[in-house]
Amino acid sequence: MEWTAHMASFESPAFAALRRAGYKITFPRLTILEILEASEGDITAAELLTRVTERDPSIGRASVFRTLDLMIK
């Protein structure tokens, strides 16, 4: 997947917060952010994992939970 597929995510507040905190912006993190931002209402971590896996099976469970952990810091 190319970075251009994630261009809209570069403008999101969550993306900006991760950048300001000094975290690397990776394809898995962008995918997770996009799914969270596209979700209507709250979703559980299990629902997020399912949606991430459906979009990109190469993104593992650990990446999803590490990204969630970064976002609550």
PDB file of N, CA and C in Angstrom:
ATOM      1  N   MET A   1       0.840  -1.173   0.000  1.00  0.00           N
ATOM      2  CA  MET A   1       0.000   0.000   0.000  1.00  0.00           C
ATOM      3  C   MET A   1       0.884   1.235   0.000  1.00  0.00           C
ATOM      4  N   GLU A   2       0.445   2.239  -0.712  1.00  0.00           N
ATOM      5  CA  GLU A   2       1.235   3.456  -0.807  1.00  0.00           C
ATOM      6  C   GLU A   2       0.720   4.503   0.180  1.00  0.00           C
ATOM      7  N   TRP A   3       1.596   5.439   0.510  1.00  0.00           N
ATOM      8  CA  TRP A   3       1.237   6.519   1.430  1.00  0.00           C
ATOM      9  C   TRP A   3       0.073   7.336   0.899  1.00  0.00           C
ATOM     10  N   THR A   4      -0.032   7.468  -0.427  1.00  0.00           N
ATOM     11  CA  THR A   4      -1.102   8.295  -0.992  1.00  0.00           C
ATOM     12  C   THR A   4      -2.480   7.762  -0.632  1.00  0.00           C
ATOM     13  N   ALA A   5      -2.583   6.487  -0.360  1.00  0.00           N
ATOM     14  CA  ALA A   5      -3.869   5.909   0.038  1.00  0.00           C
ATOM     15  C   ALA A   5      -4.308   6.420   1.400  1.00  0.00           C
ATOM     16  N   HIS A   6      -3.373   6.957   2.168  1.00  0.00           N
ATOM     17  CA  HIS A   6      -3.661   7.427   3.524  1.00  0.00           C
ATOM     18  C   HIS A   6      -3.615   8.952   3.646  1.00  0.00           C
ATOM     19  N   MET A   7      -3.626   9.664   2.562  1.00  0.00           N
ATOM     20  CA  MET A   7      -3.425  11.119   2.606  1.00  0.00           C
ATOM     21  C   MET A   7      -4.428  11.836   3.503  1.00  0.00           C
ATOM     22  N   ALA A   8      -5.682  11.430   3.515  1.00  0.00           N
ATOM     23  CA  ALA A   8      -6.679  12.101   4.350  1.00  0.00           C
ATOM     24  C   ALA A   8      -6.335  11.972   5.826  1.00  0.00           C
ATOM     25  N   SER A   9      -5.694  10.885   6.207  1.00  0.00           N
ATOM     26  CA  SER A   9      -5.340  10.666   7.611  1.00  0.00           C
ATOM     27  C   SER A   9      -4.303  11.662   8.106  1.00  0.00           C
ATOM     28  N   PHE A  10      -3.506  12.206   7.200  1.00  0.00           N
ATOM     29  CA  PHE A  10      -2.458  13.143   7.597  1.00  0.00           C
ATOM     30  C   PHE A  10      -3.027  14.426   8.193  1.00  0.00           C
ATOM     31  N   GLU A  11      -4.298  14.682   7.970  1.00  0.00           N
ATOM     32  CA  GLU A  11      -4.925  15.889   8.481  1.00  0.00           C
ATOM     33  C   GLU A  11      -5.711  15.644   9.758  1.00  0.00           C
ATOM     34  N   SER A  12      -5.773  14.422  10.227  1.00  0.00           N
ATOM     35  CA  SER A  12      -6.600  14.120  11.393  1.00  0.00           C
ATOM     36  C   SER A  12      -5.930  14.578  12.688  1.00  0.00           C
ATOM     37  N   PRO A  13      -6.741  14.940  13.681  1.00  0.00           N
ATOM     38  CA  PRO A  13      -6.187  15.339  14.983  1.00  0.00           C
ATOM     39  C   PRO A  13      -5.376  14.220  15.649  1.00  0.00           C
ATOM     40  N   ALA A  14      -5.822  12.982  15.487  1.00  0.00           N
ATOM     41  CA  ALA A  14      -5.099  11.858  16.094  1.00  0.00           C
ATOM     42  C   ALA A  14      -3.715  11.706  15.466  1.00  0.00           C
ATOM     43  N   PHE A  15      -3.648  11.842  14.152  1.00  0.00           N
ATOM     44  CA  PHE A  15      -2.362  11.775  13.457  1.00  0.00           C
ATOM     45  C   PHE A  15      -1.439  12.878  13.967  1.00  0.00           C
ATOM     46  N   ALA A  16      -1.974  14.087  14.060  1.00  0.00           N
ATOM     47  CA  ALA A  16      -1.175  15.223  14.519  1.00  0.00           C
ATOM     48  C   ALA A  16      -0.670  15.008  15.944  1.00  0.00           C
ATOM     49  N   ALA A  17      -1.513  14.442  16.795  1.00  0.00           N
ATOM     50  CA  ALA A  17      -1.116  14.185  18.183  1.00  0.00           C
ATOM     51  C   ALA A  17       0.023  13.175  18.260  1.00  0.00           C
ATOM     52  N   LEU A  18      -0.056  12.127  17.449  1.00  0.00           N
ATOM     53  CA  LEU A  18       1.027  11.131  17.436  1.00  0.00           C
ATOM     54  C   LEU A  18       2.328  11.757  16.941  1.00  0.00           C
ATOM     55  N   ARG A  19       2.244  12.588  15.912  1.00  0.00           N
ATOM     56  CA  ARG A  19       3.442  13.255  15.390  1.00  0.00           C
ATOM     57  C   ARG A  19       4.062  14.177  16.440  1.00  0.00           C
ATOM     58  N   ARG A  20       3.229  14.981  17.100  1.00  0.00           N
ATOM     59  CA  ARG A  20       3.730  15.899  18.133  1.00  0.00           C
ATOM     60  C   ARG A  20       4.399  15.137  19.269  1.00  0.00           C
ATOM     61  N   ALA A  21       3.886  13.961  19.572  1.00  0.00           N
ATOM     62  CA  ALA A  21       4.454  13.149  20.650  1.00  0.00           C
ATOM     63  C   ALA A  21       5.729  12.438  20.204  1.00  0.00           C
ATOM     64  N   GLY A  22       6.062  12.530  18.915  1.00  0.00           N
ATOM     65  CA  GLY A  22       7.303  11.954  18.417  1.00  0.00           C
ATOM     66  C   GLY A  22       7.211  10.509  17.963  1.00  0.00           C
ATOM     67  N   TYR A  23       5.993   9.995  17.799  1.00  0.00           N
ATOM     68  CA  TYR A  23       5.847   8.606  17.362  1.00  0.00           C
ATOM     69  C   TYR A  23       5.966   8.491  15.848  1.00  0.00           C
ATOM     70  N   LYS A  24       6.495   7.377  15.390  1.00  0.00           N
ATOM     71  CA  LYS A  24       6.570   7.098  13.966  1.00  0.00           C
ATOM     72  C   LYS A  24       5.155   6.865  13.442  1.00  0.00           C
ATOM     73  N   ILE A  25       4.937   7.302  12.228  1.00  0.00           N
ATOM     74  CA  ILE A  25       3.654   7.076  11.581  1.00  0.00           C
ATOM     75  C   ILE A  25       3.850   5.933  10.586  1.00  0.00           C
ATOM     76  N   THR A  26       3.283   4.796  10.911  1.00  0.00           N
ATOM     77  CA  THR A  26       3.440   3.594  10.100  1.00  0.00           C
ATOM     78  C   THR A  26       2.129   3.277   9.383  1.00  0.00           C
ATOM     79  N   PHE A  27       2.207   2.422   8.372  1.00  0.00           N
ATOM     80  CA  PHE A  27       0.991   1.992   7.674  1.00  0.00           C
ATOM     81  C   PHE A  27      -0.021   1.379   8.644  1.00  0.00           C
ATOM     82  N   PRO A  28       0.397   0.472   9.543  1.00  0.00           N
ATOM     83  CA  PRO A  28      -0.592  -0.080  10.474  1.00  0.00           C
ATOM     84  C   PRO A  28      -1.253   0.999  11.336  1.00  0.00           C
ATOM     85  N   ARG A  29      -0.481   1.940  11.842  1.00  0.00           N
ATOM     86  CA  ARG A  29      -1.065   3.000  12.677  1.00  0.00           C
ATOM     87  C   ARG A  29      -2.035   3.856  11.875  1.00  0.00           C
ATOM     88  N   LEU A  30      -1.679   4.177  10.643  1.00  0.00           N
ATOM     89  CA  LEU A  30      -2.587   4.955   9.806  1.00  0.00           C
ATOM     90  C   LEU A  30      -3.878   4.193   9.540  1.00  0.00           C
ATOM     91  N   THR A  31      -3.764   2.923   9.263  1.00  0.00           N
ATOM     92  CA  THR A  31      -4.946   2.104   9.010  1.00  0.00           C
ATOM     93  C   THR A  31      -5.844   2.075  10.237  1.00  0.00           C
ATOM     94  N   ILE A  32      -5.255   1.887  11.402  1.00  0.00           N
ATOM     95  CA  ILE A  32      -6.016   1.844  12.651  1.00  0.00           C
ATOM     96  C   ILE A  32      -6.699   3.184  12.896  1.00  0.00           C
ATOM     97  N   LEU A  33      -5.981   4.287  12.700  1.00  0.00           N
ATOM     98  CA  LEU A  33      -6.566   5.613  12.878  1.00  0.00           C
ATOM     99  C   LEU A  33      -7.734   5.839  11.917  1.00  0.00           C
ATOM    100  N   GLU A  34      -7.559   5.430  10.667  1.00  0.00           N
ATOM    101  CA  GLU A  34      -8.626   5.603   9.683  1.00  0.00           C
ATOM    102  C   GLU A  34      -9.880   4.840  10.078  1.00  0.00           C
ATOM    103  N   ILE A  35      -9.697   3.624  10.559  1.00  0.00           N
ATOM    104  CA  ILE A  35     -10.848   2.812  10.954  1.00  0.00           C
ATOM    105  C   ILE A  35     -11.544   3.427  12.165  1.00  0.00           C
ATOM    106  N   LEU A  36     -10.767   3.884  13.125  1.00  0.00           N
ATOM    107  CA  LEU A  36     -11.364   4.531  14.301  1.00  0.00           C
ATOM    108  C   LEU A  36     -12.135   5.782  13.911  1.00  0.00           C
ATOM    109  N   GLU A  37     -11.549   6.594  13.054  1.00  0.00           N
ATOM    110  CA  GLU A  37     -12.199   7.836  12.653  1.00  0.00           C
ATOM    111  C   GLU A  37     -13.435   7.596  11.799  1.00  0.00           C
ATOM    112  N   ALA A  38     -13.462   6.498  11.060  1.00  0.00           N
ATOM    113  CA  ALA A  38     -14.607   6.183  10.208  1.00  0.00           C
ATOM    114  C   ALA A  38     -15.740   5.512  10.984  1.00  0.00           C
ATOM    115  N   SER A  39     -15.446   5.054  12.181  1.00  0.00           N
ATOM    116  CA  SER A  39     -16.451   4.359  12.984  1.00  0.00           C
ATOM    117  C   SER A  39     -17.463   5.355  13.529  1.00  0.00           C
ATOM    118  N   GLU A  40     -18.705   4.980  13.441  1.00  0.00           N
ATOM    119  CA  GLU A  40     -19.758   5.818  14.002  1.00  0.00           C
ATOM    120  C   GLU A  40     -19.996   5.362  15.435  1.00  0.00           C
ATOM    121  N   GLY A  41     -19.674   6.221  16.355  1.00  0.00           N
ATOM    122  CA  GLY A  41     -19.844   5.862  17.761  1.00  0.00           C
ATOM    123  C   GLY A  41     -18.660   5.068  18.273  1.00  0.00           C
ATOM    124  N   ASP A  42     -18.849   4.528  19.448  1.00  0.00           N
ATOM    125  CA  ASP A  42     -17.785   3.758  20.095  1.00  0.00           C
ATOM    126  C   ASP A  42     -17.727   2.346  19.552  1.00  0.00           C
ATOM    127  N   ILE A  43     -16.515   1.812  19.491  1.00  0.00           N
ATOM    128  CA  ILE A  43     -16.341   0.399  19.149  1.00  0.00           C
ATOM    129  C   ILE A  43     -15.395  -0.216  20.177  1.00  0.00           C
ATOM    130  N   THR A  44     -15.522  -1.506  20.361  1.00  0.00           N
ATOM    131  CA  THR A  44     -14.648  -2.193  21.299  1.00  0.00           C
ATOM    132  C   THR A  44     -13.318  -2.495  20.625  1.00  0.00           C
ATOM    133  N   ALA A  45     -12.343  -2.847  21.443  1.00  0.00           N
ATOM    134  CA  ALA A  45     -11.035  -3.234  20.900  1.00  0.00           C
ATOM    135  C   ALA A  45     -11.178  -4.461  20.009  1.00  0.00           C
ATOM    136  N   ALA A  46     -12.058  -5.370  20.379  1.00  0.00           N
ATOM    137  CA  ALA A  46     -12.281  -6.575  19.566  1.00  0.00           C
ATOM    138  C   ALA A  46     -12.878  -6.215  18.206  1.00  0.00           C
ATOM    139  N   GLU A  47     -13.823  -5.268  18.193  1.00  0.00           N
ATOM    140  CA  GLU A  47     -14.410  -4.831  16.923  1.00  0.00           C
ATOM    141  C   GLU A  47     -13.359  -4.146  16.056  1.00  0.00           C
ATOM    142  N   LEU A  48     -12.536  -3.330  16.681  1.00  0.00           N
ATOM    143  CA  LEU A  48     -11.459  -2.668  15.948  1.00  0.00           C
ATOM    144  C   LEU A  48     -10.520  -3.699  15.336  1.00  0.00           C
ATOM    145  N   LEU A  49     -10.117  -4.675  16.124  1.00  0.00           N
ATOM    146  CA  LEU A  49      -9.225  -5.719  15.626  1.00  0.00           C
ATOM    147  C   LEU A  49      -9.842  -6.434  14.424  1.00  0.00           C
ATOM    148  N   THR A  50     -11.123  -6.740  14.505  1.00  0.00           N
ATOM    149  CA  THR A  50     -11.807  -7.406  13.393  1.00  0.00           C
ATOM    150  C   THR A  50     -11.778  -6.544  12.142  1.00  0.00           C
ATOM    151  N   ARG A  51     -12.090  -5.271  12.291  1.00  0.00           N
ATOM    152  CA  ARG A  51     -12.120  -4.367  11.132  1.00  0.00           C
ATOM    153  C   ARG A  51     -10.726  -4.174  10.532  1.00  0.00           C
ATOM    154  N   VAL A  52      -9.723  -4.068  11.393  1.00  0.00           N
ATOM    155  CA  VAL A  52      -8.351  -3.910  10.911  1.00  0.00           C
ATOM    156  C   VAL A  52      -7.918  -5.157  10.148  1.00  0.00           C
ATOM    157  N   THR A  53      -8.199  -6.316  10.708  1.00  0.00           N
ATOM    158  CA  THR A  53      -7.816  -7.581  10.068  1.00  0.00           C
ATOM    159  C   THR A  53      -8.525  -7.761   8.733  1.00  0.00           C
ATOM    160  N   GLU A  54      -9.780  -7.324   8.657  1.00  0.00           N
ATOM    161  CA  GLU A  54     -10.514  -7.415   7.389  1.00  0.00           C
ATOM    162  C   GLU A  54      -9.875  -6.525   6.324  1.00  0.00           C
ATOM    163  N   ARG A  55      -9.419  -5.350   6.731  1.00  0.00           N
ATOM    164  CA  ARG A  55      -8.820  -4.434   5.758  1.00  0.00           C
ATOM    165  C   ARG A  55      -7.409  -4.849   5.379  1.00  0.00           C
ATOM    166  N   ASP A  56      -6.624  -5.263   6.370  1.00  0.00           N
ATOM    167  CA  ASP A  56      -5.231  -5.637   6.110  1.00  0.00           C
ATOM    168  C   ASP A  56      -4.827  -6.768   7.055  1.00  0.00           C
ATOM    169  N   PRO A  57      -4.910  -8.009   6.584  1.00  0.00           N
ATOM    170  CA  PRO A  57      -4.595  -9.162   7.436  1.00  0.00           C
ATOM    171  C   PRO A  57      -3.155  -9.193   7.952  1.00  0.00           C
ATOM    172  N   SER A  58      -2.277  -8.383   7.372  1.00  0.00           N
ATOM    173  CA  SER A  58      -0.883  -8.388   7.831  1.00  0.00           C
ATOM    174  C   SER A  58      -0.698  -7.592   9.128  1.00  0.00           C
ATOM    175  N   ILE A  59      -1.704  -6.807   9.517  1.00  0.00           N
ATOM    176  CA  ILE A  59      -1.611  -6.039  10.764  1.00  0.00           C
ATOM    177  C   ILE A  59      -2.029  -6.946  11.913  1.00  0.00           C
ATOM    178  N   GLY A  60      -1.126  -7.137  12.832  1.00  0.00           N
ATOM    179  CA  GLY A  60      -1.355  -8.074  13.920  1.00  0.00           C
ATOM    180  C   GLY A  60      -2.070  -7.469  15.115  1.00  0.00           C
ATOM    181  N   ARG A  61      -2.511  -8.361  15.957  1.00  0.00           N
ATOM    182  CA  ARG A  61      -3.221  -7.982  17.188  1.00  0.00           C
ATOM    183  C   ARG A  61      -2.366  -7.055  18.053  1.00  0.00           C
ATOM    184  N   ALA A  62      -1.090  -7.366  18.175  1.00  0.00           N
ATOM    185  CA  ALA A  62      -0.196  -6.558  19.007  1.00  0.00           C
ATOM    186  C   ALA A  62      -0.105  -5.129  18.485  1.00  0.00           C
ATOM    187  N   SER A  63      -0.066  -4.953  17.170  1.00  0.00           N
ATOM    188  CA  SER A  63       0.001  -3.606  16.596  1.00  0.00           C
ATOM    189  C   SER A  63      -1.249  -2.802  16.933  1.00  0.00           C
ATOM    190  N   VAL A  64      -2.393  -3.449  16.887  1.00  0.00           N
ATOM    191  CA  VAL A  64      -3.647  -2.766  17.213  1.00  0.00           C
ATOM    192  C   VAL A  64      -3.632  -2.318  18.671  1.00  0.00           C
ATOM    193  N   PHE A  65      -3.270  -3.224  19.573  1.00  0.00           N
ATOM    194  CA  PHE A  65      -3.304  -2.882  20.993  1.00  0.00           C
ATOM    195  C   PHE A  65      -2.199  -1.896  21.376  1.00  0.00           C
ATOM    196  N   ARG A  66      -1.048  -1.987  20.741  1.00  0.00           N
ATOM    197  CA  ARG A  66       0.011  -0.995  21.009  1.00  0.00           C
ATOM    198  C   ARG A  66      -0.411   0.391  20.536  1.00  0.00           C
ATOM    199  N   THR A  67      -1.081   0.461  19.404  1.00  0.00           N
ATOM    200  CA  THR A  67      -1.548   1.745  18.896  1.00  0.00           C
ATOM    201  C   THR A  67      -2.620   2.324  19.808  1.00  0.00           C
ATOM    202  N   LEU A  68      -3.521   1.493  20.284  1.00  0.00           N
ATOM    203  CA  LEU A  68      -4.526   1.979  21.241  1.00  0.00           C
ATOM    204  C   LEU A  68      -3.857   2.491  22.495  1.00  0.00           C
ATOM    205  N   ASP A  69      -2.843   1.790  22.944  1.00  0.00           N
ATOM    206  CA  ASP A  69      -2.110   2.215  24.145  1.00  0.00           C
ATOM    207  C   ASP A  69      -1.444   3.580  23.930  1.00  0.00           C
ATOM    208  N   LEU A  70      -0.857   3.781  22.762  1.00  0.00           N
ATOM    209  CA  LEU A  70      -0.235   5.079  22.446  1.00  0.00           C
ATOM    210  C   LEU A  70      -1.268   6.205  22.467  1.00  0.00           C
ATOM    211  N   MET A  71      -2.450   5.901  21.996  1.00  0.00           N
ATOM    212  CA  MET A  71      -3.468   6.930  21.873  1.00  0.00           C
ATOM    213  C   MET A  71      -4.044   7.356  23.228  1.00  0.00           C
ATOM    214  N   ILE A  72      -3.925   6.527  24.237  1.00  0.00           N
ATOM    215  CA  ILE A  72      -4.466   6.919  25.538  1.00  0.00           C
ATOM    216  C   ILE A  72      -3.415   7.559  26.432  1.00  0.00           C
ATOM    217  N   LYS A  73      -2.177   7.586  25.985  1.00  0.00           N
ATOM    218  CA  LYS A  73      -1.104   8.207  26.781  1.00  0.00           C
ATOM    219  C   LYS A  73      -1.156   9.705  26.689  1.00  0.00           C
TER     220      LYS A  73
END
